[in-house]
Amino acid sequence: MNSKSFLKPLTPPIHFHTAMIEQIPVAAFIGQEMIGNGKIVEITDFAVKIGDEFYMREACTFKYAV
């Protein structure tokens, strides 16, 4: 990823899977507040697990953190 990707939203499912496979750090937001960051370790239809925490896909926005 290059610097132009910093805080670019992850939108289609392929973005989440690519970030997990390539171990690209991401950040989870609710509104403008960052509520977590790190590497994706699990993806379900309803949540994304970053580190030890699950973040609901419907409630959060996920962005590349690199």
C-alpha atoms as a PDB file:
ATOM      1  CA  MET A   1       0.000   0.000   0.000  1.00  0.00           C
ATOM      2  CA  ASN A   2       1.217   3.482  -0.663  1.00  0.00           C
ATOM      3  CA  SER A   3       0.682   6.681   1.289  1.00  0.00           C
ATOM      4  CA  LYS A   4      -2.318   7.566  -0.903  1.00  0.00           C
ATOM      5  CA  SER A   5      -4.157   4.614   0.687  1.00  0.00           C
ATOM      6  CA  PHE A   6      -3.904   6.069   4.218  1.00  0.00           C
ATOM      7  CA  LEU A   7      -7.408   6.148   5.724  1.00  0.00           C
ATOM      8  CA  LYS A   8      -9.013   5.040   2.457  1.00  0.00           C
ATOM      9  CA  PRO A   9     -12.231   3.141   3.280  1.00  0.00           C
ATOM     10  CA  LEU A  10     -12.476  -0.610   2.920  1.00  0.00           C
ATOM     11  CA  THR A  11     -15.755  -1.146   1.113  1.00  0.00           C
ATOM     12  CA  PRO A  12     -16.198  -4.345  -0.919  1.00  0.00           C
ATOM     13  CA  PRO A  13     -15.542  -7.672   0.820  1.00  0.00           C
ATOM     14  CA  ILE A  14     -12.354  -8.183  -1.212  1.00  0.00           C
ATOM     15  CA  HIS A  15     -10.782  -5.184   0.564  1.00  0.00           C
ATOM     16  CA  PHE A  16     -11.302  -6.859   3.955  1.00  0.00           C
ATOM     17  CA  HIS A  17      -9.960 -10.222   2.792  1.00  0.00           C
ATOM     18  CA  THR A  18      -6.939  -8.645   1.087  1.00  0.00           C
ATOM     19  CA  ALA A  19      -6.130  -6.613   4.207  1.00  0.00           C
ATOM     20  CA  MET A  20      -6.351  -9.766   6.344  1.00  0.00           C
ATOM     21  CA  ILE A  21      -4.225 -11.919   4.006  1.00  0.00           C
ATOM     22  CA  GLU A  22      -1.588  -9.227   3.482  1.00  0.00           C
ATOM     23  CA  GLN A  23      -1.634  -8.227   7.192  1.00  0.00           C
ATOM     24  CA  ILE A  24      -2.365  -4.576   6.357  1.00  0.00           C
ATOM     25  CA  PRO A  25      -3.310  -2.534   9.453  1.00  0.00           C
ATOM     26  CA  VAL A  26      -6.825  -1.104   9.468  1.00  0.00           C
ATOM     27  CA  ALA A  27      -8.756   1.242  11.748  1.00  0.00           C
ATOM     28  CA  ALA A  28     -12.381   0.953  12.852  1.00  0.00           C
ATOM     29  CA  PHE A  29     -14.482   4.093  13.270  1.00  0.00           C
ATOM     30  CA  ILE A  30     -17.918   4.993  14.547  1.00  0.00           C
ATOM     31  CA  GLY A  31     -18.619   8.364  13.010  1.00  0.00           C
ATOM     32  CA  GLN A  32     -15.398  10.367  13.284  1.00  0.00           C
ATOM     33  CA  GLU A  33     -14.140   8.492  16.361  1.00  0.00           C
ATOM     34  CA  MET A  34     -11.550   5.751  15.933  1.00  0.00           C
ATOM     35  CA  ILE A  35     -12.542   2.896  18.219  1.00  0.00           C
ATOM     36  CA  GLY A  36      -9.852   0.379  17.305  1.00  0.00           C
ATOM     37  CA  ASN A  37      -6.982  -0.455  15.000  1.00  0.00           C
ATOM     38  CA  GLY A  38      -4.673  -3.286  14.095  1.00  0.00           C
ATOM     39  CA  LYS A  39      -4.624  -6.273  11.789  1.00  0.00           C
ATOM     40  CA  ILE A  40      -7.742  -8.197  10.809  1.00  0.00           C
ATOM     41  CA  VAL A  41      -7.716 -11.731  12.211  1.00  0.00           C
ATOM     42  CA  GLU A  42     -11.266 -12.843  11.331  1.00  0.00           C
ATOM     43  CA  ILE A  43     -14.116 -11.747   9.080  1.00  0.00           C
ATOM     44  CA  THR A  44     -17.764 -12.789   9.340  1.00  0.00           C
ATOM     45  CA  ASP A  45     -20.890 -11.542   7.588  1.00  0.00           C
ATOM     46  CA  PHE A  46     -21.612  -9.375  10.626  1.00  0.00           C
ATOM     47  CA  ALA A  47     -18.293  -8.448  12.213  1.00  0.00           C
ATOM     48  CA  VAL A  48     -14.587  -7.888  11.685  1.00  0.00           C
ATOM     49  CA  LYS A  49     -12.174  -9.041  14.379  1.00  0.00           C
ATOM     50  CA  ILE A  50      -9.186  -6.738  14.762  1.00  0.00           C
ATOM     51  CA  GLY A  51      -6.750  -8.025  17.358  1.00  0.00           C
ATOM     52  CA  ASP A  52      -8.895  -9.374  20.204  1.00  0.00           C
ATOM     53  CA  GLU A  53     -11.995  -7.226  19.520  1.00  0.00           C
ATOM     54  CA  PHE A  54     -14.973  -7.697  17.220  1.00  0.00           C
ATOM     55  CA  TYR A  55     -16.403  -4.647  15.421  1.00  0.00           C
ATOM     56  CA  MET A  56     -19.875  -4.768  13.884  1.00  0.00           C
ATOM     57  CA  ARG A  57     -19.774  -4.180  10.131  1.00  0.00           C
ATOM     58  CA  GLU A  58     -23.083  -2.275  10.084  1.00  0.00           C
ATOM     59  CA  ALA A  59     -22.057   0.085  12.893  1.00  0.00           C
ATOM     60  CA  CYS A  60     -18.475   0.810  11.847  1.00  0.00           C
ATOM     61  CA  THR A  61     -16.463   2.243   9.001  1.00  0.00           C
ATOM     62  CA  PHE A  62     -13.146   0.537   8.323  1.00  0.00           C
ATOM     63  CA  LYS A  63     -10.175   2.296   6.782  1.00  0.00           C
ATOM     64  CA  TYR A  64      -6.633   1.381   5.838  1.00  0.00           C
ATOM     65  CA  ALA A  65      -4.241   2.643   8.542  1.00  0.00           C
ATOM     66  CA  VAL A  66      -1.091   2.695   6.387  1.00  0.00           C
END
